[in-house]
Amino acid sequence: MRRPRPDPRQRELPARAKGELRTAARPDRGGGPARKARGRELQAHRRHAEGEGELHGLRRQTGVAGPGAAQQCELHWKNNYTIDPEGRVYKCPVVAGIPGLEVAHVAGTGPEKVAPLVALRPWEKCGDCPYLPVCVGGCLGGKYLKTGRMDEVACKKEKYELSFRETIVRRYLAEFPVTEVSSPATAAA
């Protein structure tokens, strides 16, 4: 004998009494309280992420160059990890798979090591560069692959200068749109 198909909008819940089953309607997928709570939770996570401004003792400035234009290398992100097929854990996806640059092993029980690419703090060579809080020395993993040295930065100052200039112009024009300027001849007409 064939059982009737259950209503997909309902799910079975464990019963309180032995042998009983309860059913409850699925949560509202519209603008109900569960969805609003998830939205508030996501907003809280976003505010927390934007507020994590301390990075290696530097104050990160968010949103200056617009979305996607300027951000730190993933190596500097607090919760970014890459795992290679052998189970070695890396902070930088660019150097994943290179033995000796891992920070941990998935089967290991010891504490996480400081990422070798940040141990020497190469961005300190950048001095008083105004873009240091945004780039933190650029892609240190990419620079390591090119030079084999962990004490060098991948400076992209020109890129940041151009990006910041474009952003300033875009924000200015958004705030103060260009309007037609009338000449004395057109004003008299």
N, C-alpha and C. Protein backbone atom coordinates (compact mmCIF):
# COMPACT_ATOMS: atom_id res chain seq x y z
N MET A 1 0.83 -1.18 0.00
CA MET A 1 0.00 0.00 0.00
C MET A 1 0.88 1.24 0.00
N ARG A 2 0.51 2.18 -0.78
CA ARG A 2 1.29 3.40 -0.96
C ARG A 2 0.88 4.46 0.07
N ARG A 3 1.90 5.08 0.67
CA ARG A 3 1.64 6.14 1.64
C ARG A 3 1.38 7.45 0.94
N PRO A 4 0.52 8.29 1.49
CA PRO A 4 0.32 9.61 0.87
C PRO A 4 1.56 10.47 1.09
N ARG A 5 1.86 11.28 0.10
CA ARG A 5 3.03 12.17 0.19
C ARG A 5 2.73 13.27 1.20
N PRO A 6 3.71 13.56 2.07
CA PRO A 6 3.48 14.63 3.04
C PRO A 6 3.47 16.00 2.37
N ASP A 7 2.79 16.90 2.99
CA ASP A 7 2.73 18.28 2.51
C ASP A 7 4.13 18.88 2.65
N PRO A 8 4.74 19.37 1.56
CA PRO A 8 6.11 19.91 1.66
C PRO A 8 6.20 21.15 2.53
N ARG A 9 5.07 21.78 2.82
CA ARG A 9 5.11 22.97 3.67
C ARG A 9 5.14 22.61 5.15
N GLN A 10 5.03 21.32 5.46
CA GLN A 10 5.05 20.90 6.84
C GLN A 10 6.19 19.91 7.04
N ARG A 11 6.68 19.87 8.25
CA ARG A 11 7.73 18.92 8.57
C ARG A 11 7.37 18.26 9.88
N GLU A 12 7.88 17.04 10.07
CA GLU A 12 7.59 16.32 11.30
C GLU A 12 8.55 16.76 12.38
N LEU A 13 8.01 16.90 13.58
CA LEU A 13 8.82 17.24 14.73
C LEU A 13 8.76 16.09 15.72
N PRO A 14 9.79 15.89 16.53
CA PRO A 14 9.74 14.81 17.51
C PRO A 14 8.58 15.03 18.48
N ALA A 15 7.94 13.94 18.84
CA ALA A 15 6.79 14.02 19.74
C ALA A 15 7.25 14.09 21.18
N ARG A 16 6.42 14.69 21.98
CA ARG A 16 6.71 14.74 23.42
C ARG A 16 6.29 13.44 24.08
N ALA A 17 5.18 12.89 23.64
CA ALA A 17 4.71 11.62 24.20
C ALA A 17 5.14 10.50 23.27
N LYS A 18 5.40 9.33 23.83
CA LYS A 18 5.87 8.20 23.05
C LYS A 18 4.85 7.83 21.98
N GLY A 19 5.34 7.70 20.75
CA GLY A 19 4.49 7.28 19.65
C GLY A 19 3.73 8.40 18.96
N GLU A 20 3.76 9.63 19.47
CA GLU A 20 3.06 10.74 18.85
C GLU A 20 3.97 11.51 17.90
N LEU A 21 3.40 12.07 16.90
CA LEU A 21 4.14 12.96 16.00
C LEU A 21 3.40 14.29 15.94
N ARG A 22 4.16 15.34 15.94
CA ARG A 22 3.58 16.67 15.77
C ARG A 22 4.02 17.20 14.41
N THR A 23 3.25 18.04 13.83
CA THR A 23 3.67 18.71 12.61
C THR A 23 3.54 20.20 12.84
N ALA A 24 4.41 20.92 12.17
CA ALA A 24 4.37 22.38 12.27
C ALA A 24 4.63 22.95 10.90
N ALA A 25 4.02 24.05 10.63
CA ALA A 25 4.25 24.72 9.34
C ALA A 25 5.69 25.20 9.28
N ARG A 26 6.25 25.17 8.08
CA ARG A 26 7.61 25.67 7.90
C ARG A 26 7.65 27.15 8.18
N PRO A 27 8.82 27.66 8.57
CA PRO A 27 8.91 29.09 8.85
C PRO A 27 8.54 29.93 7.63
N ASP A 28 7.99 31.07 7.90
CA ASP A 28 7.59 32.00 6.85
C ASP A 28 8.82 32.44 6.07
N ARG A 29 8.79 32.31 4.75
CA ARG A 29 9.93 32.70 3.93
C ARG A 29 9.78 34.13 3.42
N GLY A 30 8.70 34.75 3.76
CA GLY A 30 8.49 36.14 3.35
C GLY A 30 9.21 37.08 4.29
N GLY A 31 8.51 38.06 4.75
CA GLY A 31 9.12 39.05 5.64
C GLY A 31 8.84 38.75 7.10
N GLY A 32 8.66 37.47 7.44
CA GLY A 32 8.32 37.08 8.80
C GLY A 32 9.44 37.33 9.79
N PRO A 33 9.16 37.02 11.06
CA PRO A 33 10.12 37.31 12.12
C PRO A 33 11.44 36.56 11.96
N ALA A 34 11.40 35.31 11.48
CA ALA A 34 12.65 34.55 11.32
C ALA A 34 13.55 35.21 10.28
N ARG A 35 12.98 35.63 9.18
CA ARG A 35 13.77 36.28 8.13
C ARG A 35 14.33 37.62 8.61
N LYS A 36 13.53 38.37 9.33
CA LYS A 36 14.00 39.65 9.85
C LYS A 36 15.13 39.44 10.85
N ALA A 37 15.01 38.40 11.67
CA ALA A 37 16.08 38.11 12.64
C ALA A 37 17.37 37.75 11.91
N ARG A 38 17.26 36.95 10.82
CA ARG A 38 18.45 36.60 10.04
C ARG A 38 19.07 37.85 9.43
N GLY A 39 18.22 38.76 8.94
CA GLY A 39 18.72 40.01 8.37
C GLY A 39 19.46 40.84 9.40
N ARG A 40 18.89 40.92 10.61
CA ARG A 40 19.56 41.66 11.68
C ARG A 40 20.89 41.00 12.05
N GLU A 41 20.90 39.66 12.05
CA GLU A 41 22.13 38.94 12.37
C GLU A 41 23.20 39.21 11.31
N LEU A 42 22.82 39.19 10.04
CA LEU A 42 23.78 39.48 8.97
C LEU A 42 24.30 40.90 9.07
N GLN A 43 23.44 41.84 9.39
CA GLN A 43 23.88 43.23 9.56
C GLN A 43 24.85 43.34 10.72
N ALA A 44 24.59 42.61 11.80
CA ALA A 44 25.49 42.64 12.96
C ALA A 44 26.86 42.07 12.58
N HIS A 45 26.86 40.97 11.80
CA HIS A 45 28.13 40.39 11.35
C HIS A 45 28.89 41.38 10.46
N ARG A 46 28.17 42.06 9.57
CA ARG A 46 28.81 43.03 8.68
C ARG A 46 29.42 44.18 9.49
N ARG A 47 28.65 44.69 10.46
CA ARG A 47 29.18 45.78 11.30
C ARG A 47 30.40 45.30 12.08
N HIS A 48 30.35 44.05 12.57
CA HIS A 48 31.49 43.51 13.31
C HIS A 48 32.71 43.41 12.40
N ALA A 49 32.51 42.90 11.18
CA ALA A 49 33.64 42.76 10.25
C ALA A 49 34.23 44.12 9.90
N GLU A 50 33.37 45.10 9.67
CA GLU A 50 33.87 46.43 9.34
C GLU A 50 34.55 47.07 10.55
N GLY A 51 34.11 46.70 11.74
CA GLY A 51 34.69 47.26 12.95
C GLY A 51 36.00 46.62 13.34
N GLU A 52 36.34 45.48 12.75
CA GLU A 52 37.61 44.84 13.05
C GLU A 52 38.72 45.60 12.36
N GLY A 53 38.89 46.83 12.77
CA GLY A 53 39.81 47.72 12.08
C GLY A 53 41.26 47.53 12.44
N GLU A 54 41.54 46.89 13.54
CA GLU A 54 42.94 46.72 13.93
C GLU A 54 43.54 45.56 13.14
N LEU A 55 44.58 45.83 12.44
CA LEU A 55 45.24 44.83 11.63
C LEU A 55 46.73 45.03 11.78
N HIS A 56 47.37 44.12 12.47
CA HIS A 56 48.81 44.22 12.73
C HIS A 56 49.16 45.56 13.36
N GLY A 57 48.26 46.07 14.20
CA GLY A 57 48.51 47.35 14.86
C GLY A 57 48.17 48.56 14.00
N LEU A 58 47.62 48.36 12.82
CA LEU A 58 47.27 49.47 11.93
C LEU A 58 45.76 49.61 11.91
N ARG A 59 45.28 50.81 11.77
CA ARG A 59 43.84 51.05 11.68
C ARG A 59 43.42 50.90 10.23
N ARG A 60 42.56 49.93 9.97
CA ARG A 60 42.08 49.71 8.61
C ARG A 60 41.00 50.73 8.30
N GLN A 61 41.09 51.34 7.14
CA GLN A 61 40.08 52.30 6.71
C GLN A 61 39.19 51.61 5.68
N THR A 62 37.92 51.51 5.98
CA THR A 62 37.03 50.77 5.09
C THR A 62 36.24 51.72 4.20
N GLY A 63 35.95 51.25 3.01
CA GLY A 63 35.08 51.97 2.10
C GLY A 63 35.67 53.18 1.43
N VAL A 64 36.96 53.42 1.54
CA VAL A 64 37.53 54.64 0.99
C VAL A 64 37.52 54.62 -0.53
N ALA A 65 37.92 53.51 -1.12
CA ALA A 65 38.04 53.47 -2.57
C ALA A 65 36.86 52.80 -3.25
N GLY A 66 35.84 52.50 -2.52
CA GLY A 66 34.68 51.87 -3.12
C GLY A 66 34.81 50.36 -3.11
N PRO A 67 33.72 49.66 -3.35
CA PRO A 67 33.73 48.21 -3.25
C PRO A 67 34.66 47.56 -4.26
N GLY A 68 35.51 46.69 -3.78
CA GLY A 68 36.39 45.92 -4.65
C GLY A 68 37.60 46.65 -5.15
N ALA A 69 37.71 47.94 -4.93
CA ALA A 69 38.83 48.70 -5.49
C ALA A 69 40.11 48.52 -4.70
N ALA A 70 40.01 48.46 -3.39
CA ALA A 70 41.21 48.36 -2.58
C ALA A 70 40.90 47.58 -1.31
N GLN A 71 41.66 46.55 -1.08
CA GLN A 71 41.51 45.79 0.15
C GLN A 71 42.79 45.02 0.40
N GLN A 72 42.92 44.55 1.64
CA GLN A 72 44.11 43.81 1.99
C GLN A 72 44.13 42.45 1.32
N CYS A 73 45.33 41.90 1.24
CA CYS A 73 45.52 40.54 0.77
C CYS A 73 44.83 39.59 1.75
N GLU A 74 44.34 38.47 1.28
CA GLU A 74 43.66 37.49 2.13
C GLU A 74 44.54 36.99 3.26
N LEU A 75 45.83 37.07 3.10
CA LEU A 75 46.77 36.65 4.14
C LEU A 75 46.51 37.39 5.45
N HIS A 76 46.03 38.60 5.38
CA HIS A 76 45.81 39.42 6.57
C HIS A 76 44.42 39.25 7.17
N TRP A 77 43.54 38.54 6.49
CA TRP A 77 42.19 38.36 6.99
C TRP A 77 42.22 37.40 8.17
N LYS A 78 41.49 37.73 9.20
CA LYS A 78 41.51 36.95 10.43
C LYS A 78 41.08 35.50 10.23
N ASN A 79 40.02 35.25 9.52
CA ASN A 79 39.48 33.90 9.40
C ASN A 79 39.60 33.33 7.99
N ASN A 80 40.71 33.59 7.33
CA ASN A 80 40.93 33.06 5.99
C ASN A 80 41.99 31.97 6.06
N TYR A 81 41.64 30.79 5.61
CA TYR A 81 42.58 29.67 5.60
C TYR A 81 42.41 28.89 4.31
N THR A 82 43.51 28.28 3.86
CA THR A 82 43.49 27.39 2.71
C THR A 82 44.13 26.08 3.15
N ILE A 83 43.50 24.97 2.79
CA ILE A 83 44.02 23.65 3.17
C ILE A 83 44.42 22.92 1.91
N ASP A 84 45.66 22.40 1.89
CA ASP A 84 46.11 21.66 0.72
C ASP A 84 45.70 20.18 0.85
N PRO A 85 45.87 19.38 -0.21
CA PRO A 85 45.44 17.97 -0.17
C PRO A 85 46.11 17.14 0.93
N GLU A 86 47.27 17.55 1.39
CA GLU A 86 47.96 16.80 2.46
C GLU A 86 47.50 17.23 3.85
N GLY A 87 46.60 18.20 3.94
CA GLY A 87 46.07 18.63 5.23
C GLY A 87 46.83 19.78 5.86
N ARG A 88 47.77 20.37 5.13
CA ARG A 88 48.50 21.52 5.67
C ARG A 88 47.62 22.77 5.52
N VAL A 89 47.61 23.59 6.55
CA VAL A 89 46.77 24.78 6.59
C VAL A 89 47.64 26.01 6.36
N TYR A 90 47.20 26.87 5.43
CA TYR A 90 47.95 28.08 5.06
C TYR A 90 47.07 29.30 5.28
N LYS A 91 47.70 30.43 5.58
CA LYS A 91 46.98 31.70 5.67
C LYS A 91 46.86 32.35 4.30
N CYS A 92 47.75 32.01 3.39
CA CYS A 92 47.77 32.64 2.07
C CYS A 92 47.45 31.59 1.01
N PRO A 93 46.40 31.79 0.21
CA PRO A 93 46.07 30.82 -0.83
C PRO A 93 47.10 30.76 -1.96
N VAL A 94 47.87 31.82 -2.12
CA VAL A 94 48.87 31.87 -3.20
C VAL A 94 50.00 30.87 -2.95
N VAL A 95 50.37 30.69 -1.69
CA VAL A 95 51.50 29.79 -1.37
C VAL A 95 51.03 28.43 -0.87
N ALA A 96 49.73 28.15 -0.97
CA ALA A 96 49.22 26.85 -0.52
C ALA A 96 49.91 25.74 -1.28
N GLY A 97 50.35 24.74 -0.56
CA GLY A 97 51.04 23.61 -1.16
C GLY A 97 52.55 23.70 -1.05
N ILE A 98 53.08 24.83 -0.63
CA ILE A 98 54.53 24.98 -0.48
C ILE A 98 54.90 24.61 0.96
N PRO A 99 55.58 23.48 1.16
CA PRO A 99 55.94 23.06 2.51
C PRO A 99 56.80 24.13 3.20
N GLY A 100 56.55 24.29 4.49
CA GLY A 100 57.30 25.26 5.27
C GLY A 100 56.57 26.58 5.45
N LEU A 101 55.56 26.84 4.64
CA LEU A 101 54.80 28.08 4.76
C LEU A 101 53.44 27.87 5.43
N GLU A 102 53.18 26.65 5.88
CA GLU A 102 51.92 26.36 6.54
C GLU A 102 51.92 26.91 7.97
N VAL A 103 50.72 27.11 8.50
CA VAL A 103 50.59 27.60 9.88
C VAL A 103 50.10 26.50 10.82
N ALA A 104 49.57 25.42 10.26
CA ALA A 104 49.07 24.32 11.08
C ALA A 104 48.83 23.11 10.18
N HIS A 105 48.39 22.03 10.78
CA HIS A 105 47.97 20.83 10.05
C HIS A 105 46.61 20.44 10.60
N VAL A 106 45.72 19.97 9.74
CA VAL A 106 44.37 19.65 10.20
C VAL A 106 44.37 18.57 11.27
N ALA A 107 45.33 17.66 11.23
CA ALA A 107 45.40 16.60 12.23
C ALA A 107 46.22 17.00 13.46
N GLY A 108 46.85 18.16 13.40
CA GLY A 108 47.69 18.60 14.51
C GLY A 108 46.88 19.11 15.69
N THR A 109 47.49 19.04 16.86
CA THR A 109 46.81 19.53 18.06
C THR A 109 47.49 20.77 18.62
N GLY A 110 48.64 21.11 18.07
CA GLY A 110 49.37 22.27 18.57
C GLY A 110 48.74 23.57 18.12
N PRO A 111 49.20 24.67 18.70
CA PRO A 111 48.65 25.99 18.32
C PRO A 111 49.09 26.39 16.91
N GLU A 112 48.34 27.29 16.33
CA GLU A 112 48.66 27.81 15.00
C GLU A 112 49.92 28.66 15.07
N LYS A 113 50.82 28.46 14.09
CA LYS A 113 52.03 29.28 14.00
C LYS A 113 51.69 30.62 13.36
N VAL A 114 52.55 31.58 13.57
CA VAL A 114 52.42 32.85 12.85
C VAL A 114 52.78 32.57 11.39
N ALA A 115 52.00 33.10 10.47
CA ALA A 115 52.27 32.88 9.05
C ALA A 115 53.67 33.39 8.72
N PRO A 116 54.51 32.55 8.11
CA PRO A 116 55.89 32.97 7.81
C PRO A 116 55.98 34.25 6.99
N LEU A 117 55.01 34.50 6.13
CA LEU A 117 55.06 35.70 5.29
C LEU A 117 54.80 36.99 6.08
N VAL A 118 54.17 36.89 7.25
CA VAL A 118 53.94 38.09 8.05
C VAL A 118 54.88 38.18 9.24
N ALA A 119 55.61 37.12 9.52
CA ALA A 119 56.49 37.10 10.69
C ALA A 119 57.53 38.22 10.66
N LEU A 120 58.04 38.54 9.48
CA LEU A 120 59.06 39.59 9.36
C LEU A 120 58.47 40.99 9.27
N ARG A 121 57.15 41.08 9.20
CA ARG A 121 56.45 42.37 9.11
C ARG A 121 57.05 43.27 8.01
N PRO A 122 57.10 42.79 6.76
CA PRO A 122 57.75 43.56 5.70
C PRO A 122 57.09 44.90 5.41
N TRP A 123 55.82 45.07 5.75
CA TRP A 123 55.12 46.33 5.50
C TRP A 123 55.68 47.48 6.32
N GLU A 124 56.49 47.19 7.33
CA GLU A 124 57.09 48.27 8.11
C GLU A 124 58.05 49.09 7.25
N LYS A 125 58.52 48.52 6.13
CA LYS A 125 59.38 49.27 5.20
C LYS A 125 58.59 50.35 4.46
N CYS A 126 57.27 50.26 4.49
CA CYS A 126 56.44 51.23 3.78
C CYS A 126 56.41 52.58 4.47
N GLY A 127 56.91 52.64 5.68
CA GLY A 127 57.02 53.92 6.40
C GLY A 127 55.69 54.61 6.59
N ASP A 128 55.62 55.86 6.13
CA ASP A 128 54.41 56.65 6.34
C ASP A 128 53.53 56.71 5.09
N CYS A 129 53.58 55.68 4.26
CA CYS A 129 52.74 55.63 3.06
C CYS A 129 51.27 55.76 3.47
N PRO A 130 50.53 56.66 2.84
CA PRO A 130 49.13 56.86 3.23
C PRO A 130 48.24 55.66 2.91
N TYR A 131 48.69 54.75 2.05
CA TYR A 131 47.88 53.60 1.66
C TYR A 131 48.19 52.36 2.48
N LEU A 132 49.13 52.44 3.39
CA LEU A 132 49.52 51.30 4.21
C LEU A 132 48.35 50.66 4.95
N PRO A 133 47.45 51.42 5.57
CA PRO A 133 46.33 50.76 6.25
C PRO A 133 45.41 49.99 5.31
N VAL A 134 45.44 50.31 4.03
CA VAL A 134 44.57 49.64 3.07
C VAL A 134 45.27 48.44 2.45
N CYS A 135 46.53 48.57 2.07
CA CYS A 135 47.19 47.47 1.34
C CYS A 135 48.07 46.59 2.21
N VAL A 136 48.64 47.09 3.28
CA VAL A 136 49.51 46.34 4.19
C VAL A 136 50.61 45.59 3.42
N GLY A 137 51.20 46.25 2.46
CA GLY A 137 52.32 45.67 1.74
C GLY A 137 51.94 44.89 0.49
N GLY A 138 50.69 44.86 0.13
CA GLY A 138 50.26 44.18 -1.08
C GLY A 138 50.23 42.67 -0.93
N CYS A 139 50.31 41.96 -2.04
CA CYS A 139 50.25 40.50 -2.06
C CYS A 139 51.62 39.94 -1.71
N LEU A 140 51.81 39.62 -0.44
CA LEU A 140 53.10 39.12 0.02
C LEU A 140 53.39 37.73 -0.54
N GLY A 141 52.36 36.91 -0.71
CA GLY A 141 52.55 35.58 -1.28
C GLY A 141 53.00 35.64 -2.73
N GLY A 142 52.38 36.51 -3.51
CA GLY A 142 52.77 36.68 -4.90
C GLY A 142 54.20 37.19 -5.03
N LYS A 143 54.56 38.13 -4.17
CA LYS A 143 55.93 38.65 -4.18
C LYS A 143 56.92 37.56 -3.81
N TYR A 144 56.56 36.71 -2.84
CA TYR A 144 57.43 35.60 -2.44
C TYR A 144 57.64 34.63 -3.61
N LEU A 145 56.58 34.33 -4.34
CA LEU A 145 56.71 33.42 -5.49
C LEU A 145 57.63 33.99 -6.56
N LYS A 146 57.60 35.31 -6.75
CA LYS A 146 58.45 35.95 -7.77
C LYS A 146 59.90 36.05 -7.34
N THR A 147 60.13 36.39 -6.06
CA THR A 147 61.50 36.68 -5.63
C THR A 147 62.10 35.63 -4.71
N GLY A 148 61.26 34.83 -4.06
CA GLY A 148 61.76 33.86 -3.09
C GLY A 148 62.12 34.49 -1.76
N ARG A 149 61.79 35.75 -1.58
CA ARG A 149 62.13 36.47 -0.34
C ARG A 149 60.85 36.82 0.43
N MET A 150 60.94 36.69 1.75
CA MET A 150 59.78 36.99 2.60
C MET A 150 59.84 38.40 3.18
N ASP A 151 60.88 39.14 2.87
CA ASP A 151 61.04 40.46 3.48
C ASP A 151 60.74 41.60 2.51
N GLU A 152 60.01 41.31 1.43
CA GLU A 152 59.70 42.34 0.43
C GLU A 152 58.19 42.53 0.33
N VAL A 153 57.81 43.74 -0.08
CA VAL A 153 56.40 44.06 -0.28
C VAL A 153 56.11 44.18 -1.77
N ALA A 154 54.85 44.05 -2.11
CA ALA A 154 54.41 44.22 -3.50
C ALA A 154 53.70 45.57 -3.59
N CYS A 155 54.47 46.62 -3.76
CA CYS A 155 53.94 47.98 -3.73
C CYS A 155 53.12 48.28 -4.98
N LYS A 156 51.91 48.74 -4.77
CA LYS A 156 51.01 49.14 -5.85
C LYS A 156 50.51 50.56 -5.60
N LYS A 157 51.41 51.41 -5.15
CA LYS A 157 51.04 52.78 -4.77
C LYS A 157 50.37 53.53 -5.92
N GLU A 158 50.89 53.38 -7.14
CA GLU A 158 50.30 54.09 -8.28
C GLU A 158 48.85 53.65 -8.50
N LYS A 159 48.59 52.36 -8.36
CA LYS A 159 47.23 51.84 -8.53
C LYS A 159 46.30 52.47 -7.49
N TYR A 160 46.75 52.53 -6.25
CA TYR A 160 45.92 53.11 -5.20
C TYR A 160 45.70 54.60 -5.41
N GLU A 161 46.74 55.31 -5.84
CA GLU A 161 46.59 56.75 -6.09
C GLU A 161 45.53 57.00 -7.16
N LEU A 162 45.58 56.23 -8.24
CA LEU A 162 44.60 56.37 -9.31
C LEU A 162 43.19 56.03 -8.80
N SER A 163 43.09 54.94 -8.07
CA SER A 163 41.80 54.51 -7.54
C SER A 163 41.20 55.55 -6.60
N PHE A 164 42.03 56.10 -5.72
CA PHE A 164 41.54 57.10 -4.78
C PHE A 164 41.14 58.38 -5.50
N ARG A 165 41.92 58.79 -6.52
CA ARG A 165 41.57 59.98 -7.29
C ARG A 165 40.21 59.80 -7.97
N GLU A 166 40.02 58.65 -8.60
CA GLU A 166 38.75 58.38 -9.27
C GLU A 166 37.59 58.38 -8.28
N THR A 167 37.83 57.83 -7.11
CA THR A 167 36.78 57.78 -6.09
C THR A 167 36.41 59.17 -5.62
N ILE A 168 37.41 60.01 -5.41
CA ILE A 168 37.14 61.38 -4.96
C ILE A 168 36.31 62.12 -6.00
N VAL A 169 36.67 62.01 -7.27
CA VAL A 169 35.92 62.67 -8.34
C VAL A 169 34.49 62.13 -8.39
N ARG A 170 34.34 60.81 -8.32
CA ARG A 170 33.01 60.20 -8.38
C ARG A 170 32.14 60.67 -7.21
N ARG A 171 32.70 60.69 -6.01
CA ARG A 171 31.93 61.13 -4.84
C ARG A 171 31.58 62.62 -4.94
N TYR A 172 32.51 63.42 -5.43
CA TYR A 172 32.25 64.86 -5.57
C TYR A 172 31.11 65.09 -6.56
N LEU A 173 31.19 64.41 -7.71
CA LEU A 173 30.14 64.60 -8.72
C LEU A 173 28.80 64.07 -8.25
N ALA A 174 28.82 63.03 -7.42
CA ALA A 174 27.56 62.51 -6.88
C ALA A 174 26.94 63.51 -5.90
N GLU A 175 27.78 64.18 -5.14
CA GLU A 175 27.28 65.13 -4.15
C GLU A 175 26.95 66.49 -4.78
N PHE A 176 27.74 66.91 -5.75
CA PHE A 176 27.55 68.20 -6.41
C PHE A 176 27.45 67.98 -7.91
N PRO A 177 26.28 67.56 -8.41
CA PRO A 177 26.14 67.27 -9.83
C PRO A 177 26.41 68.50 -10.70
N VAL A 178 26.92 68.24 -11.88
CA VAL A 178 27.21 69.32 -12.83
C VAL A 178 25.89 69.85 -13.37
N THR A 179 25.73 71.16 -13.33
CA THR A 179 24.52 71.79 -13.87
C THR A 179 24.92 72.70 -15.01
N GLU A 180 23.96 72.99 -15.87
CA GLU A 180 24.22 73.88 -17.00
C GLU A 180 24.50 75.29 -16.47
N VAL A 181 25.56 75.87 -16.96
CA VAL A 181 25.90 77.25 -16.59
C VAL A 181 25.38 78.15 -17.70
N SER A 182 24.57 79.11 -17.33
CA SER A 182 24.01 79.99 -18.35
C SER A 182 24.95 81.17 -18.58
N SER A 183 25.08 81.54 -19.83
CA SER A 183 25.92 82.69 -20.18
C SER A 183 25.05 83.95 -20.12
N PRO A 184 25.66 85.14 -20.08
CA PRO A 184 24.86 86.39 -20.05
C PRO A 184 23.93 86.51 -21.25
N ALA A 185 24.34 85.98 -22.41
CA ALA A 185 23.50 86.09 -23.61
C ALA A 185 22.25 85.24 -23.47
N THR A 186 22.39 84.03 -22.92
CA THR A 186 21.21 83.17 -22.78
C THR A 186 20.34 83.63 -21.62
N ALA A 187 20.93 84.28 -20.63
CA ALA A 187 20.14 84.77 -19.49
C ALA A 187 19.25 85.94 -19.92
N ALA A 188 19.71 86.78 -20.88
CA ALA A 188 18.93 87.94 -21.33
C ALA A 188 17.79 87.52 -22.25
N ALA A 189 17.92 86.40 -22.90
CA ALA A 189 16.91 85.97 -23.86
C ALA A 189 15.67 85.46 -23.25
